[in-house]
């Protein structure tokens, strides 16, 4: 009995929904007929065209939504330099304008070639660390995200080079095994007669030398990451 009552209610609800839809359709039809009678069919047609133009413009706005280009890539082969002016190159999508930023300030802009390459000539550096990024800009003005940051250190000071053994530039010894000991700045490399010496994290180095009888001449050279060099020449005489 309960199931029968539920089915009856459901059928009445469906019938009411159909009735409402029919009434709504009838009212819309009467409204359209009334508009035609009042304004005439041409006005109604122009109104329909107007609504269609609005929809078309909305669709074009969606289609013409500006998509930002991908971020460019900067290419610099070194981390430090002793030159106050360098060239910076990179790659982007062909034809885009690439803006170079130095320490988050716009520095210059160039257009990428047909192959997507770009280059900034004569980029001036400040003493110490300079951080560069780049942004690509499309014809419609859309800007990409910044590229990966590239730091460049400008350092034109020669590294220190202190020898603790020997302290003198000329020394006479009576033994063949000699430990050449010294220190330079952190991160620098040391060459002794163009042989690479092991340098620790603090810049200290030690190289065991095998002396020949008589005079032994050595050139000790320290070179930092920027390419600056300091040289010292010593003479050790092995007197048997």
C-alpha atoms as a PDB file:
ATOM      1  CA  UNK A   1       0.000   0.000   0.000  1.00  0.00           C
ATOM      2  CA  UNK A   2       2.839   2.398   0.913  1.00  0.00           C
ATOM      3  CA  UNK A   3       4.630   1.631  -2.361  1.00  0.00           C
ATOM      4  CA  UNK A   4       1.446   2.373  -4.288  1.00  0.00           C
ATOM      5  CA  UNK A   5       1.132   5.767  -2.550  1.00  0.00           C
ATOM      6  CA  UNK A   6       4.774   6.611  -3.382  1.00  0.00           C
ATOM      7  CA  UNK A   7       4.271   5.755  -7.031  1.00  0.00           C
ATOM      8  CA  UNK A   8       1.179   7.930  -7.131  1.00  0.00           C
ATOM      9  CA  UNK A   9       3.043  10.871  -5.666  1.00  0.00           C
ATOM     10  CA  UNK A  10       5.920  10.421  -8.130  1.00  0.00           C
ATOM     11  CA  UNK A  11       3.537  10.336 -11.082  1.00  0.00           C
ATOM     12  CA  UNK A  12       1.802  13.496  -9.852  1.00  0.00           C
ATOM     13  CA  UNK A  13       5.169  15.256  -9.490  1.00  0.00           C
ATOM     14  CA  UNK A  14       6.155  14.267 -13.045  1.00  0.00           C
ATOM     15  CA  UNK A  15       2.828  15.509 -14.328  1.00  0.00           C
ATOM     16  CA  UNK A  16       3.281  18.825 -12.488  1.00  0.00           C
ATOM     17  CA  UNK A  17       6.807  19.224 -13.931  1.00  0.00           C
ATOM     18  CA  UNK A  18       5.574  18.577 -17.471  1.00  0.00           C
ATOM     19  CA  UNK A  19       2.718  21.050 -16.910  1.00  0.00           C
ATOM     20  CA  UNK A  20       5.149  23.739 -15.698  1.00  0.00           C
ATOM     21  CA  UNK A  21       7.426  23.199 -18.698  1.00  0.00           C
ATOM     22  CA  UNK A  22       4.464  23.406 -21.056  1.00  0.00           C
ATOM     23  CA  UNK A  23       3.256  26.615 -19.430  1.00  0.00           C
ATOM     24  CA  UNK A  24       6.756  28.133 -19.579  1.00  0.00           C
ATOM     25  CA  UNK A  25       7.105  27.220 -23.250  1.00  0.00           C
ATOM     26  CA  UNK A  26       3.715  28.719 -23.955  1.00  0.00           C
ATOM     27  CA  UNK A  27       4.642  31.966 -22.178  1.00  0.00           C
ATOM     28  CA  UNK A  28       7.902  32.232 -24.152  1.00  0.00           C
ATOM     29  CA  UNK A  29       5.986  31.645 -27.393  1.00  0.00           C
ATOM     30  CA  UNK A  30       3.427  34.325 -26.469  1.00  0.00           C
ATOM     31  CA  UNK A  31       6.260  36.706 -25.560  1.00  0.00           C
ATOM     32  CA  UNK A  32       7.967  36.190 -28.903  1.00  0.00           C
ATOM     33  CA  UNK A  33       4.646  36.705 -30.759  1.00  0.00           C
ATOM     34  CA  UNK A  34       4.000  39.849 -28.698  1.00  0.00           C
ATOM     35  CA  UNK A  35       7.454  41.264 -29.489  1.00  0.00           C
ATOM     36  CA  UNK A  36       6.934  40.599 -33.177  1.00  0.00           C
ATOM     37  CA  UNK A  37       3.562  42.373 -33.065  1.00  0.00           C
ATOM     38  CA  UNK A  38       4.938  45.379 -31.131  1.00  0.00           C
ATOM     39  CA  UNK A  39       8.372  45.881 -32.680  1.00  0.00           C
ATOM     40  CA  UNK A  40       8.092  43.931 -35.873  1.00  0.00           C
ATOM     41  CA  UNK A  41      10.111  40.993 -37.091  1.00  0.00           C
ATOM     42  CA  UNK A  42      13.143  43.051 -38.347  1.00  0.00           C
ATOM     43  CA  UNK A  43      13.727  44.531 -34.872  1.00  0.00           C
ATOM     44  CA  UNK A  44      13.565  41.082 -33.314  1.00  0.00           C
ATOM     45  CA  UNK A  45      16.014  39.784 -35.902  1.00  0.00           C
ATOM     46  CA  UNK A  46      18.437  42.652 -35.179  1.00  0.00           C
ATOM     47  CA  UNK A  47      18.114  41.956 -31.449  1.00  0.00           C
ATOM     48  CA  UNK A  48      18.967  38.293 -32.048  1.00  0.00           C
ATOM     49  CA  UNK A  49      21.975  39.341 -34.135  1.00  0.00           C
ATOM     50  CA  UNK A  50      23.061  41.688 -31.329  1.00  0.00           C
ATOM     51  CA  UNK A  51      22.916  38.841 -28.805  1.00  0.00           C
ATOM     52  CA  UNK A  52      24.871  36.655 -31.217  1.00  0.00           C
ATOM     53  CA  UNK A  53      27.560  39.344 -31.600  1.00  0.00           C
ATOM     54  CA  UNK A  54      27.945  39.578 -27.823  1.00  0.00           C
ATOM     55  CA  UNK A  55      28.399  35.807 -27.585  1.00  0.00           C
ATOM     56  CA  UNK A  56      30.844  35.863 -30.497  1.00  0.00           C
ATOM     57  CA  UNK A  57      32.926  38.612 -28.869  1.00  0.00           C
ATOM     58  CA  UNK A  58      33.007  36.684 -25.600  1.00  0.00           C
ATOM     59  CA  UNK A  59      34.212  33.607 -27.452  1.00  0.00           C
ATOM     60  CA  UNK A  60      36.911  35.648 -29.218  1.00  0.00           C
ATOM     61  CA  UNK A  61      38.114  37.038 -25.889  1.00  0.00           C
ATOM     62  CA  UNK A  62      38.516  33.474 -24.626  1.00  0.00           C
ATOM     63  CA  UNK A  63      40.287  32.432 -27.835  1.00  0.00           C
ATOM     64  CA  UNK A  64      42.554  35.508 -27.816  1.00  0.00           C
ATOM     65  CA  UNK A  65      43.587  35.045 -24.190  1.00  0.00           C
ATOM     66  CA  UNK A  66      47.297  35.893 -24.071  1.00  0.00           C
ATOM     67  CA  UNK A  67      49.465  32.944 -23.085  1.00  0.00           C
ATOM     68  CA  UNK A  68      52.872  33.908 -21.651  1.00  0.00           C
ATOM     69  CA  UNK A  69      55.909  32.525 -23.503  1.00  0.00           C
ATOM     70  CA  UNK A  70      58.326  30.092 -21.856  1.00  0.00           C
ATOM     71  CA  UNK A  71      61.208  31.527 -19.865  1.00  0.00           C
ATOM     72  CA  UNK A  72      64.483  32.060 -21.764  1.00  0.00           C
ATOM     73  CA  UNK A  73      67.794  30.431 -20.797  1.00  0.00           C
ATOM     74  CA  UNK A  74      70.989  32.322 -20.040  1.00  0.00           C
ATOM     75  CA  UNK A  75      74.336  30.772 -20.949  1.00  0.00           C
ATOM     76  CA  UNK A  76      77.498  31.936 -19.172  1.00  0.00           C
ATOM     77  CA  UNK A  77      80.440  29.566 -19.142  1.00  0.00           C
ATOM     78  CA  UNK A  78      82.169  30.848 -15.994  1.00  0.00           C
ATOM     79  CA  UNK A  79      81.331  31.861 -12.433  1.00  0.00           C
ATOM     80  CA  UNK A  80      83.888  34.648 -12.035  1.00  0.00           C
ATOM     81  CA  UNK A  81      85.877  36.997 -14.251  1.00  0.00           C
ATOM     82  CA  UNK A  82      88.523  39.720 -13.983  1.00  0.00           C
ATOM     83  CA  UNK A  83      86.950  41.652 -16.850  1.00  0.00           C
ATOM     84  CA  UNK A  84      84.683  44.609 -16.105  1.00  0.00           C
ATOM     85  CA  UNK A  85      82.616  43.976 -19.261  1.00  0.00           C
ATOM     86  CA  UNK A  86      81.368  40.636 -20.616  1.00  0.00           C
ATOM     87  CA  UNK A  87      78.981  39.208 -23.218  1.00  0.00           C
ATOM     88  CA  UNK A  88      75.930  37.204 -22.160  1.00  0.00           C
ATOM     89  CA  UNK A  89      74.147  34.885 -24.589  1.00  0.00           C
ATOM     90  CA  UNK A  90      71.202  32.508 -24.364  1.00  0.00           C
ATOM     91  CA  UNK A  91      68.242  30.872 -26.086  1.00  0.00           C
ATOM     92  CA  UNK A  92      64.538  31.667 -26.315  1.00  0.00           C
ATOM     93  CA  UNK A  93      61.634  31.166 -28.710  1.00  0.00           C
ATOM     94  CA  UNK A  94      62.423  32.756 -32.104  1.00  0.00           C
ATOM     95  CA  UNK A  95      61.367  36.375 -32.567  1.00  0.00           C
ATOM     96  CA  UNK A  96      60.681  37.173 -28.922  1.00  0.00           C
ATOM     97  CA  UNK A  97      62.116  40.219 -27.201  1.00  0.00           C
ATOM     98  CA  UNK A  98      64.408  39.222 -24.340  1.00  0.00           C
ATOM     99  CA  UNK A  99      64.937  41.591 -21.425  1.00  0.00           C
ATOM    100  CA  UNK A 100      68.090  41.211 -19.331  1.00  0.00           C
ATOM    101  CA  UNK A 101      67.870  42.067 -15.642  1.00  0.00           C
ATOM    102  CA  UNK A 102      70.917  42.780 -13.511  1.00  0.00           C
ATOM    103  CA  UNK A 103      70.246  42.484  -9.788  1.00  0.00           C
ATOM    104  CA  UNK A 104      66.472  42.671 -10.554  1.00  0.00           C
ATOM    105  CA  UNK A 105      66.859  45.940 -12.523  1.00  0.00           C
ATOM    106  CA  UNK A 106      66.210  46.121 -16.286  1.00  0.00           C
ATOM    107  CA  UNK A 107      69.572  46.392 -18.014  1.00  0.00           C
ATOM    108  CA  UNK A 108      68.965  45.944 -21.754  1.00  0.00           C
ATOM    109  CA  UNK A 109      66.806  44.118 -24.301  1.00  0.00           C
ATOM    110  CA  UNK A 110      67.386  42.393 -27.644  1.00  0.00           C
ATOM    111  CA  UNK A 111      65.335  40.322 -30.101  1.00  0.00           C
ATOM    112  CA  UNK A 112      65.943  36.602 -30.459  1.00  0.00           C
ATOM    113  CA  UNK A 113      66.984  35.443 -33.933  1.00  0.00           C
ATOM    114  CA  UNK A 114      65.092  33.007 -36.150  1.00  0.00           C
ATOM    115  CA  UNK A 115      66.939  30.193 -34.403  1.00  0.00           C
ATOM    116  CA  UNK A 116      66.041  31.535 -30.948  1.00  0.00           C
ATOM    117  CA  UNK A 117      69.534  32.755 -30.062  1.00  0.00           C
ATOM    118  CA  UNK A 118      70.239  36.111 -28.429  1.00  0.00           C
ATOM    119  CA  UNK A 119      73.305  37.937 -27.149  1.00  0.00           C
ATOM    120  CA  UNK A 120      73.997  40.961 -24.991  1.00  0.00           C
ATOM    121  CA  UNK A 121      77.361  42.595 -25.737  1.00  0.00           C
ATOM    122  CA  UNK A 122      79.354  44.797 -23.372  1.00  0.00           C
ATOM    123  CA  UNK A 123      77.495  44.032 -20.155  1.00  0.00           C
ATOM    124  CA  UNK A 124      79.172  46.067 -17.425  1.00  0.00           C
ATOM    125  CA  UNK A 125      79.815  44.398 -14.079  1.00  0.00           C
ATOM    126  CA  UNK A 126      80.054  45.784 -10.565  1.00  0.00           C
ATOM    127  CA  UNK A 127      82.729  44.639  -8.153  1.00  0.00           C
ATOM    128  CA  UNK A 128      81.663  41.490  -6.359  1.00  0.00           C
ATOM    129  CA  UNK A 129      78.621  39.383  -7.247  1.00  0.00           C
ATOM    130  CA  UNK A 130      76.289  40.320 -10.115  1.00  0.00           C
ATOM    131  CA  UNK A 131      73.063  38.313 -10.518  1.00  0.00           C
ATOM    132  CA  UNK A 132      71.467  38.107 -13.972  1.00  0.00           C
ATOM    133  CA  UNK A 133      68.023  36.896 -15.048  1.00  0.00           C
ATOM    134  CA  UNK A 134      66.092  37.245 -18.305  1.00  0.00           C
ATOM    135  CA  UNK A 135      62.427  37.601 -19.312  1.00  0.00           C
ATOM    136  CA  UNK A 136      60.909  36.873 -22.739  1.00  0.00           C
ATOM    137  CA  UNK A 137      58.180  39.196 -24.073  1.00  0.00           C
ATOM    138  CA  UNK A 138      55.746  38.211 -26.864  1.00  0.00           C
ATOM    139  CA  UNK A 139      54.339  40.514 -29.583  1.00  0.00           C
ATOM    140  CA  UNK A 140      51.154  40.909 -27.527  1.00  0.00           C
ATOM    141  CA  UNK A 141      53.144  42.002 -24.478  1.00  0.00           C
ATOM    142  CA  UNK A 142      52.859  38.789 -22.481  1.00  0.00           C
ATOM    143  CA  UNK A 143      55.891  38.236 -20.246  1.00  0.00           C
ATOM    144  CA  UNK A 144      57.421  34.929 -19.285  1.00  0.00           C
ATOM    145  CA  UNK A 145      58.556  33.904 -15.845  1.00  0.00           C
ATOM    146  CA  UNK A 146      62.144  34.945 -15.047  1.00  0.00           C
ATOM    147  CA  UNK A 147      64.891  32.608 -16.175  1.00  0.00           C
ATOM    148  CA  UNK A 148      67.146  30.764 -13.772  1.00  0.00           C
ATOM    149  CA  UNK A 149      69.385  33.248 -11.950  1.00  0.00           C
ATOM    150  CA  UNK A 150      73.021  33.274 -13.046  1.00  0.00           C
ATOM    151  CA  UNK A 151      75.561  34.843 -10.643  1.00  0.00           C
ATOM    152  CA  UNK A 152      78.831  36.313 -11.966  1.00  0.00           C
ATOM    153  CA  UNK A 153      81.619  37.540  -9.690  1.00  0.00           C
ATOM    154  CA  UNK A 154      83.774  40.418 -10.892  1.00  0.00           C
ATOM    155  CA  UNK A 155      87.171  40.233  -9.178  1.00  0.00           C
ATOM    156  CA  UNK A 156      90.285  41.994 -10.506  1.00  0.00           C
ATOM    157  CA  UNK A 157      92.429  41.519  -7.391  1.00  0.00           C
ATOM    158  CA  UNK A 158      95.299  39.044  -7.531  1.00  0.00           C
ATOM    159  CA  UNK A 159      95.167  36.283  -4.898  1.00  0.00           C
ATOM    160  CA  UNK A 160      97.563  36.261  -1.992  1.00  0.00           C
ATOM    161  CA  UNK A 161     100.439  33.788  -2.047  1.00  0.00           C
ATOM    162  CA  UNK A 162     102.496  33.190   1.107  1.00  0.00           C
ATOM    163  CA  UNK A 163     105.288  30.625   1.328  1.00  0.00           C
ATOM    164  CA  UNK A 164     106.169  29.287   4.760  1.00  0.00           C
ATOM    165  CA  UNK A 165     108.759  26.821   3.469  1.00  0.00           C
ATOM    166  CA  UNK A 166     110.918  28.247   2.151  1.00  0.00           C
ATOM    167  CA  UNK A 167     110.454  31.750   3.517  1.00  0.00           C
ATOM    168  CA  UNK A 168     113.428  33.007   1.477  1.00  0.00           C
ATOM    169  CA  UNK A 169     113.480  33.307  -2.297  1.00  0.00           C
ATOM    170  CA  UNK A 170     116.879  31.576  -2.306  1.00  0.00           C
ATOM    171  CA  UNK A 171     117.835  28.739  -0.020  1.00  0.00           C
ATOM    172  CA  UNK A 172     120.641  26.154   0.245  1.00  0.00           C
ATOM    173  CA  UNK A 173     119.941  22.732   1.762  1.00  0.00           C
ATOM    174  CA  UNK A 174     121.859  19.479   2.184  1.00  0.00           C
ATOM    175  CA  UNK A 175     118.951  17.087   1.555  1.00  0.00           C
ATOM    176  CA  UNK A 176     117.091  16.077  -1.608  1.00  0.00           C
ATOM    177  CA  UNK A 177     113.523  15.735  -0.280  1.00  0.00           C
ATOM    178  CA  UNK A 178     112.003  19.139   0.190  1.00  0.00           C
ATOM    179  CA  UNK A 179     108.422  20.047   1.190  1.00  0.00           C
ATOM    180  CA  UNK A 180     107.254  23.261  -0.441  1.00  0.00           C
ATOM    181  CA  UNK A 181     104.540  24.693   1.846  1.00  0.00           C
ATOM    182  CA  UNK A 182     102.362  27.776   1.525  1.00  0.00           C
ATOM    183  CA  UNK A 183      98.886  29.262   1.471  1.00  0.00           C
ATOM    184  CA  UNK A 184      96.652  31.209  -0.905  1.00  0.00           C
ATOM    185  CA  UNK A 185      93.043  32.391  -0.869  1.00  0.00           C
ATOM    186  CA  UNK A 186      90.177  29.950  -0.545  1.00  0.00           C
ATOM    187  CA  UNK A 187      89.103  28.483  -3.880  1.00  0.00           C
ATOM    188  CA  UNK A 188      92.317  29.356  -5.717  1.00  0.00           C
ATOM    189  CA  UNK A 189      94.503  26.799  -7.503  1.00  0.00           C
ATOM    190  CA  UNK A 190      98.287  26.470  -7.184  1.00  0.00           C
ATOM    191  CA  UNK A 191     100.822  25.364  -9.793  1.00  0.00           C
ATOM    192  CA  UNK A 192     104.458  24.612  -9.076  1.00  0.00           C
ATOM    193  CA  UNK A 193     106.422  24.510 -12.342  1.00  0.00           C
ATOM    194  CA  UNK A 194     103.012  23.827 -13.984  1.00  0.00           C
ATOM    195  CA  UNK A 195     102.377  20.882 -11.702  1.00  0.00           C
ATOM    196  CA  UNK A 196      99.094  21.049  -9.801  1.00  0.00           C
ATOM    197  CA  UNK A 197      99.421  21.258  -6.029  1.00  0.00           C
ATOM    198  CA  UNK A 198      96.697  19.986  -3.715  1.00  0.00           C
ATOM    199  CA  UNK A 199      94.949  22.942  -2.007  1.00  0.00           C
ATOM    200  CA  UNK A 200      92.771  22.385   1.053  1.00  0.00           C
ATOM    201  CA  UNK A 201      89.499  24.135   1.906  1.00  0.00           C
ATOM    202  CA  UNK A 202      91.347  26.948   3.653  1.00  0.00           C
ATOM    203  CA  UNK A 203      93.787  27.619   0.808  1.00  0.00           C
ATOM    204  CA  UNK A 204      96.751  25.769   2.304  1.00  0.00           C
ATOM    205  CA  UNK A 205      98.967  23.599   0.101  1.00  0.00           C
ATOM    206  CA  UNK A 206     101.992  21.338   0.365  1.00  0.00           C
ATOM    207  CA  UNK A 207     104.040  19.713  -2.401  1.00  0.00           C
ATOM    208  CA  UNK A 208     106.951  17.321  -1.942  1.00  0.00           C
ATOM    209  CA  UNK A 209     109.838  18.165  -4.278  1.00  0.00           C
ATOM    210  CA  UNK A 210     112.784  15.952  -5.254  1.00  0.00           C
ATOM    211  CA  UNK A 211     115.804  18.215  -5.603  1.00  0.00           C
ATOM    212  CA  UNK A 212     118.615  17.669  -8.046  1.00  0.00           C
ATOM    213  CA  UNK A 213     122.211  18.503  -7.079  1.00  0.00           C
ATOM    214  CA  UNK A 214     122.905  22.186  -7.624  1.00  0.00           C
ATOM    215  CA  UNK A 215     120.331  24.889  -8.269  1.00  0.00           C
ATOM    216  CA  UNK A 216     116.624  24.035  -8.524  1.00  0.00           C
ATOM    217  CA  UNK A 217     114.372  26.821  -9.813  1.00  0.00           C
ATOM    218  CA  UNK A 218     110.654  26.820  -9.050  1.00  0.00           C
ATOM    219  CA  UNK A 219     107.805  29.034 -10.220  1.00  0.00           C
ATOM    220  CA  UNK A 220     104.890  28.992  -7.797  1.00  0.00           C
ATOM    221  CA  UNK A 221     101.697  30.396  -9.248  1.00  0.00           C
ATOM    222  CA  UNK A 222      98.318  30.967  -7.525  1.00  0.00           C
ATOM    223  CA  UNK A 223      95.240  31.552  -9.718  1.00  0.00           C
ATOM    224  CA  UNK A 224      91.757  32.464  -8.456  1.00  0.00           C
ATOM    225  CA  UNK A 225      88.375  31.673 -10.060  1.00  0.00           C
ATOM    226  CA  UNK A 226      88.375  35.002 -11.923  1.00  0.00           C
ATOM    227  CA  UNK A 227      91.704  34.242 -13.605  1.00  0.00           C
ATOM    228  CA  UNK A 228      93.864  36.616 -11.537  1.00  0.00           C
ATOM    229  CA  UNK A 229      97.369  35.298 -10.861  1.00  0.00           C
ATOM    230  CA  UNK A 230     100.189  35.812  -8.384  1.00  0.00           C
ATOM    231  CA  UNK A 231     103.654  34.383  -9.067  1.00  0.00           C
ATOM    232  CA  UNK A 232     106.738  33.795  -6.945  1.00  0.00           C
ATOM    233  CA  UNK A 233     110.088  32.443  -8.102  1.00  0.00           C
ATOM    234  CA  UNK A 234     112.383  30.626  -5.701  1.00  0.00           C
ATOM    235  CA  UNK A 235     115.752  28.955  -6.045  1.00  0.00           C
ATOM    236  CA  UNK A 236     116.734  26.027  -3.833  1.00  0.00           C
ATOM    237  CA  UNK A 237     120.320  24.832  -4.054  1.00  0.00           C
ATOM    238  CA  UNK A 238     120.969  21.242  -3.117  1.00  0.00           C
ATOM    239  CA  UNK A 239     124.548  21.103  -1.818  1.00  0.00           C
ATOM    240  CA  UNK A 240     125.672  17.529  -1.439  1.00  0.00           C
END
